[in-house]
Amino acid sequence: MTYSFQDDTSGSGLTQTAASLLSLLIVWMLTLPLQLDASETGLAATEAQHENEHPLFRSFSEESLPEIAAMAAGHRAVLLGESTHGTSEYYRLRAALSKILIEAHGYNFVVVEGDWDAAWQVNKYVKQLPGAPASAREALAHFTRWPGWMWNNQETLELVEWLRAWNAALPEDAQKVGFYGMDVYGWPESVRVLRAQADHFEGDLRTALLVSTQCINRFRGDNRAYLQHVARTGEHCGRDILELTELLEANPQPDDFTQEEWFNLRQHAFVFRQADLHLRGMLFQGPESWNERAANFKQTFARLLDFYGEEARGIAWAHNTHIGDARATDMASAGMHNIGQLTRTAFGDDAVFALGFGTFSGRVNVGFEWEGPMQIVEMPEARSGSLEAGLYSLDLGAVWFPLRTDAAREVFGSPVPHRAIGVVYNPANDAAQNYVNSDMVARYNAFIFLPYTEELTPLR
């Protein structure tokens, strides 16, 4: 069961077999054994909270956002989560926080859990770069790979329009705020871009561009054949791809490339490299494939910081499963890591601010299977004993709370099952499959809880 290097231009880089494997990986990640009842959830101080002895939980509205943004400001990496990939409120709140961080605190870029090449079209639009799409809607239409609703939606459209207007109002020589993607799944577009650039160069770099892309293309899109070849012979394309990335990194920027264009080309090579590692990781029974994807998230973020300069700061949007520190969950025992852990390790704990999100019930965009039709389903009420059920039982409505405090340590004295819904989701299996055991204080810096949420609005 593998990914396919497709030669079409549909934007979908997944075969059905790859889809099945990825679905299994998601289910495996979200079905780690969780056998805690309500008394063991870590919300031991809920009664005291009602008596205001533990002033942790704060009423939440959009008026709370400047305070949360001020708490996040100054961190090199602000990681904004979500507990589903189809909740309107999460997108709107992350957009509002991102605007405050950009306007009031000088943040340089937003990078999302989406494909590099598709997001690059949005980046060109918001910066008005040569060859940019004519509209935000046209830019977002490049997110064609399933699940398209994740980024090709009304909520993201509004942020993209705001970013373009913000950049347009800056002085002509000012550095513009960018919009990028950090996932590996769009690598077929990267292969096509790299191959198309080969004749632009000479010598070793031209050879590396040709050899690395031809290495993959000789399998004619059949990645089962590629992985069978790797397993049988030990030969793979990774060495050629690594040589390409090293040559691009060492090569000075050509005179006929802008700084943006040169960064884009080099990043395509890094996406190609990490995608190959992610793919070959599927040959093993452990977390290698997941971890190579996580490495691409972190490396992309770090490369963007380097691109924007020494004082750069960025904002990442991704699922809670990615932005909350993996060491604070059952993921750690499975050997899995994520951008939340990797950025803290690389930049220091004080340089990273992770904001988690959760909901008790609501409507959400999902697929019942990988690459299946989008469905809008009702999330059942959060299971008894979970974080979300405990917060709902407080009867405080929408709340937010900082987690690196003594009050939080008292309330969250032990790990708590915390809901995590992916793009593939069956509400009937929610209680059994969609909770991750979490040390909330170690996983996030702060958290926003909403009792009820609505679905995203996809663009047609």
Protein backbone atom coordinates (compact mmCIF):
# COMPACT_ATOMS: atom_id res chain seq x y z
CA MET A 1 0.00 0.00 0.00
CA THR A 2 1.81 3.06 -1.25
CA TYR A 3 1.63 6.55 -2.62
CA SER A 4 1.60 7.13 -6.33
CA PHE A 5 3.73 9.58 -8.30
CA GLN A 6 0.91 10.54 -10.66
CA ASP A 7 1.63 12.09 -14.04
CA ASP A 8 -1.73 13.85 -14.33
CA THR A 9 -2.37 17.42 -13.19
CA SER A 10 -5.31 16.72 -10.93
CA GLY A 11 -3.37 17.70 -7.81
CA SER A 12 -4.16 14.40 -6.12
CA GLY A 13 -1.02 12.53 -5.11
CA LEU A 14 -2.71 9.51 -3.52
CA THR A 15 -3.73 6.17 -4.93
CA GLN A 16 -6.47 4.10 -3.32
CA THR A 17 -3.87 1.81 -1.76
CA ALA A 18 -2.06 4.81 -0.30
CA ALA A 19 -5.37 6.11 0.94
CA SER A 20 -6.06 2.88 2.77
CA LEU A 21 -2.66 2.91 4.43
CA LEU A 22 -2.93 6.53 5.48
CA SER A 23 -6.39 5.87 6.91
CA LEU A 24 -4.94 3.00 8.93
CA LEU A 25 -2.14 5.25 10.18
CA ILE A 26 -4.67 7.86 11.29
CA VAL A 27 -6.85 5.29 13.02
CA TRP A 28 -3.81 3.73 14.71
CA MET A 29 -2.73 7.10 16.02
CA LEU A 30 -6.18 7.91 17.36
CA THR A 31 -7.03 4.54 18.93
CA LEU A 32 -4.36 4.20 21.57
CA PRO A 33 -5.86 2.63 24.70
CA LEU A 34 -7.63 5.14 26.90
CA GLN A 35 -9.41 3.67 29.91
CA LEU A 36 -9.97 6.64 32.20
CA ASP A 37 -13.28 7.44 33.86
CA ALA A 38 -14.50 10.89 34.86
CA SER A 39 -12.72 10.83 38.20
CA GLU A 40 -9.41 10.23 36.43
CA THR A 41 -9.60 12.92 33.78
CA GLY A 42 -7.46 15.48 35.54
CA LEU A 43 -10.41 17.82 36.03
CA ALA A 44 -10.34 17.07 39.72
CA ALA A 45 -10.92 20.67 40.70
CA THR A 46 -14.19 21.28 38.85
CA GLU A 47 -16.23 21.70 42.02
CA ALA A 48 -13.66 24.07 43.44
CA GLN A 49 -13.76 25.94 40.16
CA HIS A 50 -17.47 26.57 40.67
CA GLU A 51 -16.58 28.03 44.04
CA ASN A 52 -13.95 30.21 42.30
CA GLU A 53 -11.15 28.67 44.33
CA HIS A 54 -9.25 27.90 41.13
CA PRO A 55 -9.65 30.93 38.86
CA LEU A 56 -8.38 29.17 35.75
CA PHE A 57 -11.24 29.16 33.26
CA ARG A 58 -11.99 32.50 31.62
CA SER A 59 -15.09 33.35 29.62
CA PHE A 60 -14.23 33.35 25.91
CA SER A 61 -15.40 35.60 23.09
CA GLU A 62 -13.64 37.31 20.21
CA GLU A 63 -12.87 40.10 22.66
CA SER A 64 -10.55 37.60 24.39
CA LEU A 65 -8.30 37.33 21.33
CA PRO A 66 -6.05 40.36 21.94
CA GLU A 67 -5.17 39.00 25.39
CA ILE A 68 -4.40 35.57 23.96
CA ALA A 69 -2.38 37.11 21.13
CA ALA A 70 -0.41 39.20 23.62
CA MET A 71 0.40 36.01 25.54
CA ALA A 72 1.60 34.36 22.32
CA ALA A 73 3.50 37.37 20.99
CA GLY A 74 7.26 37.21 21.24
CA HIS A 75 7.45 33.46 20.62
CA ARG A 76 9.26 32.59 17.40
CA ALA A 77 6.70 29.92 16.63
CA VAL A 78 2.99 30.33 17.37
CA LEU A 79 1.21 27.04 16.67
CA LEU A 80 -2.57 27.24 16.30
CA GLY A 81 -4.42 23.95 16.48
CA GLU A 82 -7.81 22.41 15.80
CA SER A 83 -9.52 19.23 16.95
CA THR A 84 -11.10 18.62 13.51
CA HIS A 85 -10.28 19.52 9.93
CA GLY A 86 -13.78 20.85 9.30
CA THR A 87 -14.81 23.37 11.96
CA SER A 88 -15.62 26.93 10.90
CA GLU A 89 -14.97 28.52 14.28
CA TYR A 90 -11.42 27.15 14.44
CA TYR A 91 -10.55 28.72 11.09
CA ARG A 92 -12.17 32.06 11.89
CA LEU A 93 -10.53 32.30 15.30
CA ARG A 94 -7.12 31.30 13.98
CA ALA A 95 -7.51 33.89 11.23
CA ALA A 96 -8.45 36.58 13.75
CA LEU A 97 -5.49 35.69 15.97
CA SER A 98 -3.16 35.65 12.97
CA LYS A 99 -4.32 39.13 11.95
CA ILE A 100 -3.61 40.48 15.44
CA LEU A 101 -0.18 38.83 15.52
CA ILE A 102 0.65 40.32 12.12
CA GLU A 103 -0.80 43.79 12.74
CA ALA A 104 0.18 44.36 16.35
CA HIS A 105 3.19 42.11 16.80
CA GLY A 106 4.96 41.95 13.44
CA TYR A 107 4.64 38.26 12.55
CA ASN A 108 5.99 37.42 9.11
CA PHE A 109 4.12 34.43 7.72
CA VAL A 110 1.34 31.89 8.07
CA VAL A 111 2.14 28.28 7.16
CA VAL A 112 -0.64 25.70 7.06
CA GLU A 113 -1.09 21.94 7.02
CA GLY A 114 -1.42 22.01 3.25
CA ASP A 115 0.59 21.34 0.11
CA TRP A 116 3.57 23.55 -0.69
CA ASP A 117 2.79 24.13 -4.36
CA ALA A 118 -0.92 24.89 -3.86
CA ALA A 119 -0.15 27.27 -1.00
CA TRP A 120 2.56 28.91 -3.12
CA GLN A 121 -0.14 30.06 -5.52
CA VAL A 122 -1.86 31.76 -2.58
CA ASN A 123 1.47 33.27 -1.52
CA LYS A 124 1.91 34.72 -5.00
CA TYR A 125 -1.58 36.22 -4.82
CA VAL A 126 -1.21 37.85 -1.40
CA LYS A 127 2.19 39.31 -2.37
CA GLN A 128 1.13 40.18 -5.95
CA LEU A 129 4.11 38.29 -7.37
CA PRO A 130 4.57 37.72 -11.12
CA GLY A 131 2.22 35.06 -12.46
CA ALA A 132 -0.10 35.30 -9.46
CA PRO A 133 -3.69 34.06 -9.73
CA ALA A 134 -6.18 36.79 -10.52
CA SER A 135 -8.28 36.31 -7.39
CA ALA A 136 -8.24 34.67 -3.98
CA ARG A 137 -10.82 32.18 -5.21
CA GLU A 138 -8.61 31.26 -8.16
CA ALA A 139 -5.61 30.91 -5.84
CA LEU A 140 -7.42 28.61 -3.43
CA ALA A 141 -8.73 26.51 -6.31
CA HIS A 142 -5.20 25.06 -6.54
CA PHE A 143 -6.01 23.03 -3.42
CA THR A 144 -7.42 20.21 -5.51
CA ARG A 145 -5.99 17.24 -3.61
CA TRP A 146 -8.47 15.58 -1.28
CA PRO A 147 -9.69 16.86 1.15
CA GLY A 148 -10.10 20.08 -0.81
CA TRP A 149 -12.41 21.61 1.78
CA MET A 150 -9.52 21.99 4.23
CA TRP A 151 -8.21 25.11 2.48
CA ASN A 152 -10.53 25.82 -0.43
CA ASN A 153 -13.19 27.32 1.82
CA GLN A 154 -14.86 30.63 2.60
CA GLU A 155 -13.11 30.99 5.94
CA THR A 156 -9.64 30.76 4.37
CA LEU A 157 -10.73 32.99 1.48
CA GLU A 158 -11.46 35.83 3.88
CA LEU A 159 -8.00 35.56 5.45
CA VAL A 160 -6.33 35.46 2.03
CA GLU A 161 -8.14 38.63 0.95
CA TRP A 162 -7.08 40.32 4.19
CA LEU A 163 -3.43 39.31 3.69
CA ARG A 164 -3.42 40.75 0.19
CA ALA A 165 -4.90 44.03 1.41
CA TRP A 166 -2.43 44.18 4.31
CA ASN A 167 0.54 43.64 2.01
CA ALA A 168 -0.75 46.13 -0.54
CA ALA A 169 -0.83 48.83 2.14
CA LEU A 170 2.82 48.26 3.14
CA PRO A 171 5.63 50.42 1.74
CA GLU A 172 6.85 49.15 -1.61
CA ASP A 173 10.20 47.98 -0.22
CA ALA A 174 8.71 46.33 2.90
CA GLN A 175 8.87 42.59 3.40
CA LYS A 176 5.45 41.13 2.65
CA VAL A 177 3.62 38.63 4.86
CA GLY A 178 3.54 35.20 3.23
CA PHE A 179 1.19 32.21 3.09
CA TYR A 180 2.75 28.75 2.73
CA GLY A 181 2.11 25.01 3.05
CA MET A 182 4.18 22.51 5.03
CA ASP A 183 2.79 19.10 4.04
CA VAL A 184 4.39 16.44 1.83
CA TYR A 185 1.37 15.05 0.00
CA GLY A 186 1.59 17.50 -2.90
CA TRP A 187 5.03 16.27 -3.93
CA PRO A 188 3.99 15.20 -7.46
CA GLU A 189 3.70 18.91 -8.27
CA SER A 190 7.20 19.40 -6.84
CA VAL A 191 8.56 16.68 -9.12
CA ARG A 192 6.97 18.36 -12.15
CA VAL A 193 8.33 21.79 -11.18
CA LEU A 194 11.84 20.42 -10.66
CA ARG A 195 11.84 18.50 -13.93
CA ALA A 196 10.63 21.57 -15.81
CA GLN A 197 13.56 23.60 -14.44
CA ALA A 198 16.29 21.14 -15.46
CA ASP A 199 17.08 22.79 -18.79
CA HIS A 200 17.52 26.13 -17.03
CA PHE A 201 20.78 24.88 -15.48
CA GLU A 202 24.02 23.28 -16.59
CA GLY A 203 26.50 20.80 -15.18
CA ASP A 204 25.96 18.82 -12.00
CA LEU A 205 22.79 20.65 -10.99
CA ARG A 206 21.10 19.96 -14.32
CA THR A 207 22.15 16.33 -14.07
CA ALA A 208 20.82 16.03 -10.53
CA LEU A 209 17.47 17.53 -11.53
CA LEU A 210 17.15 15.05 -14.39
CA VAL A 211 18.42 11.98 -12.54
CA SER A 212 16.33 12.45 -9.39
CA THR A 213 13.07 13.05 -11.23
CA GLN A 214 13.72 10.29 -13.78
CA CYS A 215 14.46 7.88 -10.93
CA ILE A 216 10.89 8.25 -9.72
CA ASN A 217 9.23 8.62 -13.10
CA ARG A 218 10.62 5.30 -14.35
CA PHE A 219 8.11 3.56 -12.06
CA ARG A 220 5.34 5.19 -14.11
CA GLY A 221 3.31 6.23 -11.10
CA ASP A 222 3.26 2.78 -9.50
CA ASN A 223 4.66 3.27 -6.05
CA ARG A 224 3.86 -0.28 -5.06
CA ALA A 225 6.41 -1.21 -7.70
CA TYR A 226 8.81 1.40 -6.31
CA LEU A 227 8.58 0.10 -2.75
CA GLN A 228 8.81 -3.51 -3.92
CA HIS A 229 11.96 -2.53 -5.79
CA VAL A 230 13.38 -0.86 -2.67
CA ALA A 231 12.54 -3.87 -0.50
CA ARG A 232 14.02 -6.33 -2.99
CA THR A 233 17.20 -4.48 -3.98
CA GLY A 234 17.82 -1.85 -1.32
CA GLU A 235 18.04 0.70 -4.15
CA HIS A 236 15.91 3.83 -3.96
CA CYS A 237 15.72 7.40 -5.24
CA GLY A 238 16.61 9.01 -1.93
CA ARG A 239 20.34 9.30 -2.65
CA ASP A 240 19.70 11.13 -5.91
CA ILE A 241 17.18 13.43 -4.25
CA LEU A 242 19.58 14.17 -1.40
CA GLU A 243 22.31 15.08 -3.89
CA LEU A 244 19.86 17.42 -5.60
CA THR A 245 18.95 19.22 -2.37
CA GLU A 246 22.61 19.60 -1.44
CA LEU A 247 23.50 21.05 -4.85
CA LEU A 248 20.59 23.48 -4.76
CA GLU A 249 21.55 24.56 -1.27
CA ALA A 250 25.17 25.14 -2.29
CA ASN A 251 24.36 26.82 -5.59
CA PRO A 252 24.19 30.63 -5.47
CA GLN A 253 20.93 32.26 -6.49
CA PRO A 254 20.94 32.68 -10.29
CA ASP A 255 20.68 36.23 -11.57
CA ASP A 256 17.42 35.51 -13.36
CA PHE A 257 15.71 34.17 -10.22
CA THR A 258 14.15 36.42 -7.61
CA GLN A 259 14.76 35.59 -3.97
CA GLU A 260 11.19 34.25 -3.75
CA GLU A 261 11.56 32.09 -6.86
CA TRP A 262 14.86 30.61 -5.71
CA PHE A 263 13.46 29.79 -2.27
CA ASN A 264 10.45 28.16 -3.92
CA LEU A 265 12.60 25.93 -6.15
CA ARG A 266 14.79 24.80 -3.27
CA GLN A 267 11.75 24.09 -1.13
CA HIS A 268 10.26 21.92 -3.87
CA ALA A 269 13.41 19.79 -3.64
CA PHE A 270 13.08 19.51 0.14
CA VAL A 271 9.42 18.47 -0.20
CA PHE A 272 10.51 15.84 -2.73
CA ARG A 273 13.16 14.54 -0.34
CA GLN A 274 10.84 14.34 2.67
CA ALA A 275 8.08 12.76 0.60
CA ASP A 276 10.46 10.01 -0.48
CA LEU A 277 11.47 9.41 3.14
CA HIS A 278 7.79 9.46 4.17
CA LEU A 279 6.97 6.97 1.44
CA ARG A 280 9.82 4.58 2.21
CA GLY A 281 8.91 4.78 5.89
CA MET A 282 5.81 2.79 5.00
CA LEU A 283 8.02 -0.26 4.56
CA PHE A 284 8.42 -0.38 8.33
CA GLN A 285 5.89 -1.20 11.05
CA GLY A 286 6.80 1.78 13.22
CA PRO A 287 6.35 5.54 13.19
CA GLU A 288 8.95 6.33 10.50
CA SER A 289 6.48 7.45 7.85
CA TRP A 290 4.59 9.71 10.25
CA ASN A 291 7.81 11.14 11.64
CA GLU A 292 9.23 12.07 8.23
CA ARG A 293 6.06 14.04 7.55
CA ALA A 294 6.41 15.73 10.94
CA ALA A 295 10.03 16.54 10.10
CA ASN A 296 8.88 18.30 6.94
CA PHE A 297 6.49 20.44 8.99
CA LYS A 298 9.27 21.55 11.30
CA GLN A 299 11.93 21.94 8.60
CA THR A 300 9.61 24.03 6.45
CA PHE A 301 8.87 26.29 9.40
CA ALA A 302 12.58 26.65 10.16
CA ARG A 303 13.43 27.39 6.53
CA LEU A 304 10.77 30.10 6.45
CA LEU A 305 12.29 31.68 9.55
CA ASP A 306 15.67 31.69 7.79
CA PHE A 307 14.11 33.15 4.65
CA TYR A 308 12.52 36.03 6.54
CA GLY A 309 15.59 36.81 8.61
CA GLU A 310 17.10 36.66 12.07
CA GLU A 311 14.19 38.33 13.87
CA ALA A 312 11.48 36.44 11.98
CA ARG A 313 8.48 34.92 13.70
CA GLY A 314 5.83 32.69 12.18
CA ILE A 315 2.38 31.23 12.70
CA ALA A 316 1.51 27.60 11.91
CA TRP A 317 -1.99 26.18 11.51
CA ALA A 318 -2.36 22.42 11.96
CA HIS A 319 -4.31 19.81 13.85
CA ASN A 320 -3.90 19.58 17.62
CA THR A 321 -2.25 16.22 16.97
CA HIS A 322 0.57 18.10 15.24
CA ILE A 323 0.92 21.32 17.25
CA GLY A 324 0.53 19.98 20.79
CA ASP A 325 3.77 18.48 22.12
CA ALA A 326 3.73 14.76 21.26
CA ARG A 327 5.70 13.97 24.41
CA ALA A 328 2.62 14.91 26.43
CA THR A 329 0.47 12.24 24.75
CA ASP A 330 0.40 8.51 24.09
CA MET A 331 2.10 9.30 20.79
CA ALA A 332 5.39 9.33 22.69
CA SER A 333 5.13 5.66 23.65
CA ALA A 334 4.56 4.84 19.99
CA GLY A 335 7.75 6.71 19.03
CA MET A 336 5.86 9.45 17.18
CA HIS A 337 6.83 13.10 17.25
CA ASN A 338 5.33 16.26 15.75
CA ILE A 339 5.99 19.92 14.99
CA GLY A 340 5.02 20.85 18.54
CA GLN A 341 7.79 18.69 19.97
CA LEU A 342 10.35 19.36 17.24
CA THR A 343 10.09 23.15 17.38
CA ARG A 344 10.47 23.12 21.16
CA THR A 345 13.53 20.91 20.83
CA ALA A 346 15.04 23.09 18.09
CA PHE A 347 14.15 26.60 19.27
CA GLY A 348 13.66 26.12 23.01
CA ASP A 349 10.48 25.72 25.03
CA ASP A 350 10.23 29.46 25.63
CA ALA A 351 10.25 30.14 21.88
CA VAL A 352 7.09 28.14 21.11
CA PHE A 353 3.46 28.89 21.95
CA ALA A 354 0.88 26.19 21.20
CA LEU A 355 -2.84 26.97 21.38
CA GLY A 356 -5.21 24.00 21.35
CA PHE A 357 -8.90 24.00 20.45
CA GLY A 358 -11.76 21.70 21.39
CA THR A 359 -15.53 21.34 21.19
CA PHE A 360 -18.23 19.31 22.93
CA SER A 361 -20.46 18.72 19.90
CA GLY A 362 -21.41 20.20 16.56
CA ARG A 363 -21.30 19.72 12.81
CA VAL A 364 -18.11 18.92 10.91
CA ASN A 365 -16.87 18.26 7.35
CA VAL A 366 -15.36 14.76 7.00
CA GLY A 367 -15.03 11.81 4.68
CA PHE A 368 -16.14 8.33 5.67
CA GLU A 369 -13.13 6.97 3.78
CA TRP A 370 -9.99 8.43 2.23
CA GLU A 371 -10.87 10.34 -0.95
CA GLY A 372 -14.55 9.68 -0.29
CA PRO A 373 -17.24 12.33 -0.81
CA MET A 374 -17.30 15.15 1.72
CA GLN A 375 -19.96 14.63 4.37
CA ILE A 376 -21.31 17.05 6.95
CA VAL A 377 -22.02 15.06 10.08
CA GLU A 378 -23.04 15.68 13.65
CA MET A 379 -20.32 15.03 16.19
CA PRO A 380 -21.80 13.18 19.14
CA GLU A 381 -21.45 14.73 22.54
CA ALA A 382 -17.94 14.16 23.85
CA ARG A 383 -17.53 10.89 25.67
CA SER A 384 -17.86 10.74 29.43
CA GLY A 385 -14.60 11.33 31.26
CA SER A 386 -13.01 13.32 28.45
CA LEU A 387 -11.56 16.81 28.60
CA GLU A 388 -14.42 18.15 26.51
CA ALA A 389 -17.11 16.51 28.65
CA GLY A 390 -15.48 17.86 31.80
CA LEU A 391 -15.30 21.40 30.44
CA TYR A 392 -18.90 21.23 29.25
CA SER A 393 -20.04 20.04 32.68
CA LEU A 394 -18.74 23.27 34.21
CA ASP A 395 -21.66 25.03 32.49
CA LEU A 396 -19.49 28.07 31.78
CA GLY A 397 -20.08 28.17 28.04
CA ALA A 398 -17.10 29.03 25.84
CA VAL A 399 -13.92 29.34 27.89
CA TRP A 400 -10.20 29.75 27.41
CA PHE A 401 -7.41 29.11 29.87
CA PRO A 402 -3.62 29.39 30.11
CA LEU A 403 -1.91 26.12 30.94
CA ARG A 404 1.58 27.01 32.16
CA THR A 405 0.27 28.12 35.58
CA ASP A 406 -0.03 26.69 39.06
CA ALA A 407 -3.82 26.84 38.77
CA ALA A 408 -3.69 24.71 35.61
CA ARG A 409 -1.37 22.20 37.25
CA GLU A 410 -3.82 21.86 40.12
CA VAL A 411 -6.85 21.39 37.87
CA PHE A 412 -5.14 19.10 35.34
CA GLY A 413 -3.37 16.87 37.79
CA SER A 414 -3.34 13.80 35.55
CA PRO A 415 -3.71 12.99 31.84
CA VAL A 416 -7.12 13.38 30.23
CA PRO A 417 -8.68 11.83 27.10
CA HIS A 418 -8.82 14.66 24.54
CA ARG A 419 -10.88 14.43 21.34
CA ALA A 420 -9.09 14.33 17.96
CA ILE A 421 -11.07 14.04 14.71
CA GLY A 422 -9.26 13.65 11.41
CA VAL A 423 -10.43 14.01 7.82
CA VAL A 424 -11.66 10.40 7.89
CA TYR A 425 -14.23 10.07 10.66
CA ASN A 426 -17.20 7.91 11.60
CA PRO A 427 -19.29 9.38 14.44
CA ALA A 428 -20.35 5.87 15.44
CA ASN A 429 -16.75 5.13 16.43
CA ASP A 430 -16.08 8.45 18.16
CA ALA A 431 -15.93 7.20 21.75
CA ALA A 432 -13.65 4.28 20.91
CA GLN A 433 -11.31 5.80 18.35
CA ASN A 434 -11.08 9.57 18.61
CA TYR A 435 -9.42 10.45 21.92
CA VAL A 436 -5.75 10.99 22.69
CA ASN A 437 -4.55 10.71 26.28
CA SER A 438 -3.01 14.12 27.05
CA ASP A 439 -1.07 15.91 29.76
CA MET A 440 -2.69 19.26 29.04
CA VAL A 441 -0.13 21.39 30.89
CA ALA A 442 2.75 19.91 28.91
CA ARG A 443 0.91 19.66 25.60
CA TYR A 444 -0.27 23.27 25.14
CA ASN A 445 0.39 26.78 26.40
CA ALA A 446 -3.30 27.67 26.30
CA PHE A 447 -6.62 26.22 25.18
CA ILE A 448 -9.95 27.44 23.78
CA PHE A 449 -13.09 25.38 24.39
CA LEU A 450 -16.34 25.93 22.48
CA PRO A 451 -19.48 24.02 23.52
CA TYR A 452 -20.91 23.78 19.98
CA THR A 453 -19.33 24.40 16.57
CA GLU A 454 -20.39 24.51 12.91
CA GLU A 455 -18.92 23.12 9.70
CA LEU A 456 -16.70 24.86 7.16
CA THR A 457 -18.15 26.44 4.02
CA PRO A 458 -16.35 24.93 0.99
CA LEU A 459 -15.97 27.06 -2.14
CA ARG A 460 -17.70 25.72 -5.22
